[in-house]
Structure formats: C-alpha cells, structure tokens
Amino acid sequence: MVPEKVRNIALVGHGGSGKTTLAEALLFVGAAVKRMGSVEKGTTTFDYEPEEIDRGISLGLAVATVDWNDTRINIIDTPGATEFSGDARSALRASDLALFAVSAVDGVEVQTEALWRVAEEEGIPRAIVITKLDRERASYQRVLEELRQSFGKAIAPIQVPIGSEDNLRGVVRVATERAYEYSEGST
C-alpha cells in the first residue's frame, strides 16, 4: 500500500461516549471483522487487556485497520478518561482526521472540548458522530445545539436521524435528501 493511500483516523471524545463501539462498527461495515464486538460483553477488537474488559473502558490506544475504496484506514481508538488524555493527544498528532464521538444522551463533555482545542491547534480536520441515538433520554436536537454553542455555528449535519430512542429507524442524508431506513436485524 502506497503512503498516499493510507489514512489515520483518531476516534476521540469523553469517556463513555461510544468511541469503541463506533470503532467496532467501522470495522464491521468495512468487512474487517465478521461480527461486531461488544464493550459490555468484553468482545471488542480494541479493548483486549483484561483490565479494560473488566472495567468496560479503554485504558490505552488501540489500532485496527480497514480497507475502504482502495484506501487503508488505520482506526485509532483512544481512551476517554481524563487521566489518559496524553494518549488521545498523541493519537491526534499522528492522525489525518479527528472523529469525535458525542453521546446523544450526555452531550458535549469536558474531554470533548479539550480535545477539540488540541485538534484545532494542530490543524487537524474534525468530524463528529452523535452516538447513542437509540438510548433513553437521547436528543439529537439538544446535542446539535450544544455542539454549535461549543464549537461554532459552522457545525452542520450531513445526516439527520429518523426517530429517536426506541423509535430510531434510520437516517436522512441532508445533501441528497434521501432517507435510509434500517431493516429488522441490521446494524
């Protein structure tokens, strides 16, 4: 693989925002794994140390690779706990993109804001995924407003959820105005 066809993406955000689950989904959709691991069950590709499995949190950086459209993507899953923020900062410096996971339940949290500033200072492009939209008390609109208050009015969605909480059924791509509804048993 030529260097021009390799990208490093750091998944960053506050602890418990869904970074590892997002990383697992990226591997699954990219066919790098046959089955999506679960943080709760201790079966993720990224959290493999016994202490990580017991605590249900990432304690260090973990990297896995997926090939997508002739590009090799190195997914760097970072810990979200403040005491491990040095690892997240190191990952950002080695990345082409910072992909922020922000929980639709908890919203913008301290570690998210701190790492956003680091990525901004380093000139790293940033994107946001609002996670946990299917959970109780999830609010896409509230979190979108929090993101705009924290990071500016330039925050613009490229996809909008259809439904929320137990009634989440798909997404609409804003640019094409095309809806994609989930089918039973799909991820």
C-alpha atoms as a PDB file:
ATOM      1  CA  MET A   1       0.000   0.000   0.000  1.00  0.00           C
ATOM      2  CA  VAL A   2       1.464   3.344  -1.041  1.00  0.00           C
ATOM      3  CA  PRO A   3       1.600   6.069   1.658  1.00  0.00           C
ATOM      4  CA  GLU A   4      -0.830   8.277  -0.298  1.00  0.00           C
ATOM      5  CA  LYS A   5      -3.459   5.565   0.170  1.00  0.00           C
ATOM      6  CA  VAL A   6      -3.144   5.330   3.971  1.00  0.00           C
ATOM      7  CA  ARG A   7      -5.173   7.451   6.395  1.00  0.00           C
ATOM      8  CA  ASN A   8      -5.065   7.591  10.185  1.00  0.00           C
ATOM      9  CA  ILE A   9      -8.300   8.442  11.985  1.00  0.00           C
ATOM     10  CA  ALA A  10      -8.316   9.089  15.729  1.00  0.00           C
ATOM     11  CA  LEU A  11     -11.610   8.394  17.500  1.00  0.00           C
ATOM     12  CA  VAL A  12     -11.755  10.831  20.395  1.00  0.00           C
ATOM     13  CA  GLY A  13     -14.251  12.078  22.940  1.00  0.00           C
ATOM     14  CA  HIS A  14     -15.269  11.902  26.560  1.00  0.00           C
ATOM     15  CA  GLY A  15     -15.229   8.568  28.383  1.00  0.00           C
ATOM     16  CA  GLY A  16     -18.349   6.529  27.702  1.00  0.00           C
ATOM     17  CA  SER A  17     -19.279   8.444  24.548  1.00  0.00           C
ATOM     18  CA  GLY A  18     -19.233   5.328  22.366  1.00  0.00           C
ATOM     19  CA  LYS A  19     -15.820   5.531  20.672  1.00  0.00           C
ATOM     20  CA  THR A  20     -15.020   1.823  20.929  1.00  0.00           C
ATOM     21  CA  THR A  21     -18.495   0.799  19.763  1.00  0.00           C
ATOM     22  CA  LEU A  22     -18.151   3.206  16.818  1.00  0.00           C
ATOM     23  CA  ALA A  23     -14.732   1.721  16.026  1.00  0.00           C
ATOM     24  CA  GLU A  24     -16.212  -1.778  16.072  1.00  0.00           C
ATOM     25  CA  ALA A  25     -18.997  -0.676  13.723  1.00  0.00           C
ATOM     26  CA  LEU A  26     -16.448   0.799  11.296  1.00  0.00           C
ATOM     27  CA  LEU A  27     -14.548  -2.490  11.246  1.00  0.00           C
ATOM     28  CA  PHE A  28     -17.765  -4.452  10.722  1.00  0.00           C
ATOM     29  CA  VAL A  29     -19.118  -2.249   7.930  1.00  0.00           C
ATOM     30  CA  GLY A  30     -15.697  -2.313   6.266  1.00  0.00           C
ATOM     31  CA  ALA A  31     -15.700  -6.147   6.448  1.00  0.00           C
ATOM     32  CA  ALA A  32     -12.534  -6.220   8.557  1.00  0.00           C
ATOM     33  CA  VAL A  33     -14.395  -8.370  11.112  1.00  0.00           C
ATOM     34  CA  LYS A  34     -17.252 -10.825  10.632  1.00  0.00           C
ATOM     35  CA  ARG A  35     -19.037  -9.943  13.841  1.00  0.00           C
ATOM     36  CA  MET A  36     -19.243  -6.667  15.737  1.00  0.00           C
ATOM     37  CA  GLY A  37     -17.740  -6.870  19.219  1.00  0.00           C
ATOM     38  CA  SER A  38     -19.452  -5.534  22.328  1.00  0.00           C
ATOM     39  CA  VAL A  39     -17.926  -3.430  25.115  1.00  0.00           C
ATOM     40  CA  GLU A  40     -20.477  -4.845  27.574  1.00  0.00           C
ATOM     41  CA  LYS A  41     -19.573  -8.432  26.666  1.00  0.00           C
ATOM     42  CA  GLY A  42     -15.819  -7.765  26.556  1.00  0.00           C
ATOM     43  CA  THR A  43     -15.532  -8.935  22.949  1.00  0.00           C
ATOM     44  CA  THR A  44     -14.235  -5.830  21.140  1.00  0.00           C
ATOM     45  CA  THR A  45     -11.202  -5.810  18.901  1.00  0.00           C
ATOM     46  CA  PHE A  46      -9.943  -2.654  20.589  1.00  0.00           C
ATOM     47  CA  ASP A  47     -10.329  -3.389  24.318  1.00  0.00           C
ATOM     48  CA  TYR A  48      -8.438  -6.633  24.763  1.00  0.00           C
ATOM     49  CA  GLU A  49      -6.500  -6.148  28.019  1.00  0.00           C
ATOM     50  CA  PRO A  50      -8.123  -7.920  30.997  1.00  0.00           C
ATOM     51  CA  GLU A  51      -8.424  -4.671  32.982  1.00  0.00           C
ATOM     52  CA  GLU A  52     -10.129  -2.936  30.032  1.00  0.00           C
ATOM     53  CA  ILE A  53     -12.596  -5.801  29.732  1.00  0.00           C
ATOM     54  CA  ASP A  54     -13.286  -5.814  33.498  1.00  0.00           C
ATOM     55  CA  ARG A  55     -13.760  -2.038  33.713  1.00  0.00           C
ATOM     56  CA  GLY A  56     -15.532  -1.665  30.357  1.00  0.00           C
ATOM     57  CA  ILE A  57     -13.331   1.269  29.324  1.00  0.00           C
ATOM     58  CA  SER A  58     -10.309   1.836  27.097  1.00  0.00           C
ATOM     59  CA  LEU A  59      -7.113   2.362  29.082  1.00  0.00           C
ATOM     60  CA  GLY A  60      -4.735   2.865  26.172  1.00  0.00           C
ATOM     61  CA  LEU A  61      -4.543   3.404  22.445  1.00  0.00           C
ATOM     62  CA  ALA A  62      -5.616   0.569  20.188  1.00  0.00           C
ATOM     63  CA  VAL A  63      -5.322   0.427  16.411  1.00  0.00           C
ATOM     64  CA  ALA A  64      -7.071  -1.690  13.810  1.00  0.00           C
ATOM     65  CA  THR A  65      -7.108  -1.416  10.040  1.00  0.00           C
ATOM     66  CA  VAL A  66      -9.885  -1.487   7.489  1.00  0.00           C
ATOM     67  CA  ASP A  67      -9.554  -1.169   3.703  1.00  0.00           C
ATOM     68  CA  TRP A  68     -12.148   1.045   2.032  1.00  0.00           C
ATOM     69  CA  ASN A  69     -12.240   2.157  -1.628  1.00  0.00           C
ATOM     70  CA  ASP A  70      -8.549   1.429  -2.247  1.00  0.00           C
ATOM     71  CA  THR A  71      -7.525   3.265   0.926  1.00  0.00           C
ATOM     72  CA  ARG A  72      -6.156   1.681   4.082  1.00  0.00           C
ATOM     73  CA  ILE A  73      -7.673   3.327   7.142  1.00  0.00           C
ATOM     74  CA  ASN A  74      -5.951   2.949  10.491  1.00  0.00           C
ATOM     75  CA  ILE A  75      -8.601   3.466  13.173  1.00  0.00           C
ATOM     76  CA  ILE A  76      -7.056   4.662  16.434  1.00  0.00           C
ATOM     77  CA  ASP A  77      -9.397   4.160  19.381  1.00  0.00           C
ATOM     78  CA  THR A  78      -8.367   6.480  22.218  1.00  0.00           C
ATOM     79  CA  PRO A  79      -9.238   6.352  25.907  1.00  0.00           C
ATOM     80  CA  GLY A  80     -11.739   8.979  27.031  1.00  0.00           C
ATOM     81  CA  ALA A  81     -10.831   9.236  30.701  1.00  0.00           C
ATOM     82  CA  THR A  82      -9.024  12.478  31.558  1.00  0.00           C
ATOM     83  CA  GLU A  83      -6.121  10.647  33.223  1.00  0.00           C
ATOM     84  CA  PHE A  84      -5.302   9.056  29.847  1.00  0.00           C
ATOM     85  CA  SER A  85      -5.674  12.227  27.760  1.00  0.00           C
ATOM     86  CA  GLY A  86      -1.969  12.095  26.821  1.00  0.00           C
ATOM     87  CA  ASP A  87      -2.698   9.025  24.693  1.00  0.00           C
ATOM     88  CA  ALA A  88      -5.534  10.831  22.912  1.00  0.00           C
ATOM     89  CA  ARG A  89      -3.301  13.858  22.288  1.00  0.00           C
ATOM     90  CA  SER A  90      -0.574  11.618  20.850  1.00  0.00           C
ATOM     91  CA  ALA A  91      -3.091   9.923  18.559  1.00  0.00           C
ATOM     92  CA  LEU A  92      -4.295  13.285  17.282  1.00  0.00           C
ATOM     93  CA  ARG A  93      -0.771  14.313  16.297  1.00  0.00           C
ATOM     94  CA  ALA A  94      -0.436  11.147  14.199  1.00  0.00           C
ATOM     95  CA  SER A  95      -3.856  11.466  12.556  1.00  0.00           C
ATOM     96  CA  ASP A  96      -5.288  12.846   9.350  1.00  0.00           C
ATOM     97  CA  LEU A  97      -8.723  13.283  10.948  1.00  0.00           C
ATOM     98  CA  ALA A  98     -10.155  13.547  14.450  1.00  0.00           C
ATOM     99  CA  LEU A  99     -13.514  11.787  14.586  1.00  0.00           C
ATOM    100  CA  PHE A 100     -15.345  12.901  17.724  1.00  0.00           C
ATOM    101  CA  ALA A 101     -17.925  10.660  19.368  1.00  0.00           C
ATOM    102  CA  VAL A 102     -20.531  12.691  21.266  1.00  0.00           C
ATOM    103  CA  SER A 103     -23.300  10.911  23.157  1.00  0.00           C
ATOM    104  CA  ALA A 104     -26.873  11.928  22.315  1.00  0.00           C
ATOM    105  CA  VAL A 105     -27.666  11.296  25.981  1.00  0.00           C
ATOM    106  CA  ASP A 106     -24.786  13.132  27.699  1.00  0.00           C
ATOM    107  CA  GLY A 107     -23.978  15.781  25.089  1.00  0.00           C
ATOM    108  CA  VAL A 108     -20.748  17.771  24.875  1.00  0.00           C
ATOM    109  CA  GLU A 109     -18.492  16.980  27.830  1.00  0.00           C
ATOM    110  CA  VAL A 110     -15.207  18.336  29.183  1.00  0.00           C
ATOM    111  CA  GLN A 111     -12.836  15.911  27.443  1.00  0.00           C
ATOM    112  CA  THR A 112     -14.546  16.540  24.105  1.00  0.00           C
ATOM    113  CA  GLU A 113     -13.982  20.279  24.405  1.00  0.00           C
ATOM    114  CA  ALA A 114     -10.356  19.848  25.496  1.00  0.00           C
ATOM    115  CA  LEU A 115      -9.507  17.502  22.621  1.00  0.00           C
ATOM    116  CA  TRP A 116     -11.341  19.727  20.125  1.00  0.00           C
ATOM    117  CA  ARG A 117      -8.982  22.565  21.103  1.00  0.00           C
ATOM    118  CA  VAL A 118      -5.944  20.295  20.666  1.00  0.00           C
ATOM    119  CA  ALA A 119      -7.109  19.189  17.207  1.00  0.00           C
ATOM    120  CA  GLU A 120      -7.809  22.807  16.276  1.00  0.00           C
ATOM    121  CA  GLU A 121      -4.348  23.938  17.458  1.00  0.00           C
ATOM    122  CA  GLU A 122      -2.727  21.099  15.480  1.00  0.00           C
ATOM    123  CA  GLY A 123      -4.744  21.969  12.356  1.00  0.00           C
ATOM    124  CA  ILE A 124      -6.368  18.538  12.216  1.00  0.00           C
ATOM    125  CA  PRO A 125      -9.695  18.290  10.344  1.00  0.00           C
ATOM    126  CA  ARG A 126     -12.578  17.297  12.624  1.00  0.00           C
ATOM    127  CA  ALA A 127     -15.855  15.469  12.180  1.00  0.00           C
ATOM    128  CA  ILE A 128     -18.481  14.490  14.747  1.00  0.00           C
ATOM    129  CA  VAL A 129     -20.642  11.405  15.135  1.00  0.00           C
ATOM    130  CA  ILE A 130     -23.549  11.697  17.536  1.00  0.00           C
ATOM    131  CA  THR A 131     -23.764   8.289  19.201  1.00  0.00           C
ATOM    132  CA  LYS A 132     -26.319   6.512  21.366  1.00  0.00           C
ATOM    133  CA  LEU A 133     -29.317   7.926  19.494  1.00  0.00           C
ATOM    134  CA  ASP A 134     -31.266   4.779  20.348  1.00  0.00           C
ATOM    135  CA  ARG A 135     -30.910   5.252  24.111  1.00  0.00           C
ATOM    136  CA  GLU A 136     -33.425   6.620  26.596  1.00  0.00           C
ATOM    137  CA  ARG A 137     -33.137  10.430  27.016  1.00  0.00           C
ATOM    138  CA  ALA A 138     -31.276  10.767  23.694  1.00  0.00           C
ATOM    139  CA  SER A 139     -31.802  14.111  21.983  1.00  0.00           C
ATOM    140  CA  TYR A 140     -30.216  14.791  18.624  1.00  0.00           C
ATOM    141  CA  GLN A 141     -31.507  18.381  18.510  1.00  0.00           C
ATOM    142  CA  ARG A 142     -30.267  19.253  22.017  1.00  0.00           C
ATOM    143  CA  VAL A 143     -26.804  17.855  21.283  1.00  0.00           C
ATOM    144  CA  LEU A 144     -26.641  19.613  17.904  1.00  0.00           C
ATOM    145  CA  GLU A 145     -27.349  22.913  19.692  1.00  0.00           C
ATOM    146  CA  GLU A 146     -24.692  22.128  22.333  1.00  0.00           C
ATOM    147  CA  LEU A 147     -22.178  21.392  19.565  1.00  0.00           C
ATOM    148  CA  ARG A 148     -22.933  24.724  17.889  1.00  0.00           C
ATOM    149  CA  GLN A 149     -22.633  26.582  21.202  1.00  0.00           C
ATOM    150  CA  SER A 150     -19.323  24.889  21.997  1.00  0.00           C
ATOM    151  CA  PHE A 151     -17.697  24.813  18.556  1.00  0.00           C
ATOM    152  CA  GLY A 152     -19.457  27.446  16.468  1.00  0.00           C
ATOM    153  CA  LYS A 153     -22.303  27.805  14.036  1.00  0.00           C
ATOM    154  CA  ALA A 154     -20.281  26.074  11.296  1.00  0.00           C
ATOM    155  CA  ILE A 155     -21.316  22.713  12.785  1.00  0.00           C
ATOM    156  CA  ALA A 156     -23.590  21.338  10.074  1.00  0.00           C
ATOM    157  CA  PRO A 157     -25.159  17.885   9.931  1.00  0.00           C
ATOM    158  CA  ILE A 158     -24.649  15.677   6.900  1.00  0.00           C
ATOM    159  CA  GLN A 159     -27.119  13.106   8.217  1.00  0.00           C
ATOM    160  CA  VAL A 160     -30.193  13.544  10.415  1.00  0.00           C
ATOM    161  CA  PRO A 161     -31.809  10.685  12.331  1.00  0.00           C
ATOM    162  CA  ILE A 162     -35.310   9.440  11.612  1.00  0.00           C
ATOM    163  CA  GLY A 163     -36.942   8.956  15.014  1.00  0.00           C
ATOM    164  CA  SER A 164     -35.240   8.707  18.398  1.00  0.00           C
ATOM    165  CA  GLU A 165     -34.753   6.402  21.340  1.00  0.00           C
ATOM    166  CA  ASP A 166     -36.749   3.184  20.814  1.00  0.00           C
ATOM    167  CA  ASN A 167     -38.216   4.625  17.613  1.00  0.00           C
ATOM    168  CA  LEU A 168     -34.907   5.303  15.813  1.00  0.00           C
ATOM    169  CA  ARG A 169     -35.484   3.858  12.339  1.00  0.00           C
ATOM    170  CA  GLY A 170     -32.890   5.368  10.024  1.00  0.00           C
ATOM    171  CA  VAL A 171     -31.182   8.494   8.729  1.00  0.00           C
ATOM    172  CA  VAL A 172     -31.666  11.132   6.055  1.00  0.00           C
ATOM    173  CA  ARG A 173     -28.650  12.363   4.083  1.00  0.00           C
ATOM    174  CA  VAL A 174     -29.014  16.133   4.047  1.00  0.00           C
ATOM    175  CA  ALA A 175     -27.279  16.792   0.703  1.00  0.00           C
ATOM    176  CA  THR A 176     -29.360  14.305  -1.258  1.00  0.00           C
ATOM    177  CA  GLU A 177     -32.497  14.431   0.927  1.00  0.00           C
ATOM    178  CA  ARG A 178     -32.531  10.648   0.674  1.00  0.00           C
ATOM    179  CA  ALA A 179     -33.786   8.524   3.565  1.00  0.00           C
ATOM    180  CA  TYR A 180     -32.286   5.196   4.632  1.00  0.00           C
ATOM    181  CA  GLU A 181     -34.400   3.128   6.992  1.00  0.00           C
ATOM    182  CA  TYR A 182     -32.992   0.245   8.994  1.00  0.00           C
ATOM    183  CA  SER A 183     -34.313  -3.217   8.335  1.00  0.00           C
ATOM    184  CA  GLU A 184     -35.003  -5.733  11.073  1.00  0.00           C
ATOM    185  CA  GLY A 185     -31.749  -7.274  12.321  1.00  0.00           C
ATOM    186  CA  SER A 186     -29.442  -4.797  10.570  1.00  0.00           C
ATOM    187  CA  THR A 187     -26.796  -2.739  12.347  1.00  0.00           C
END
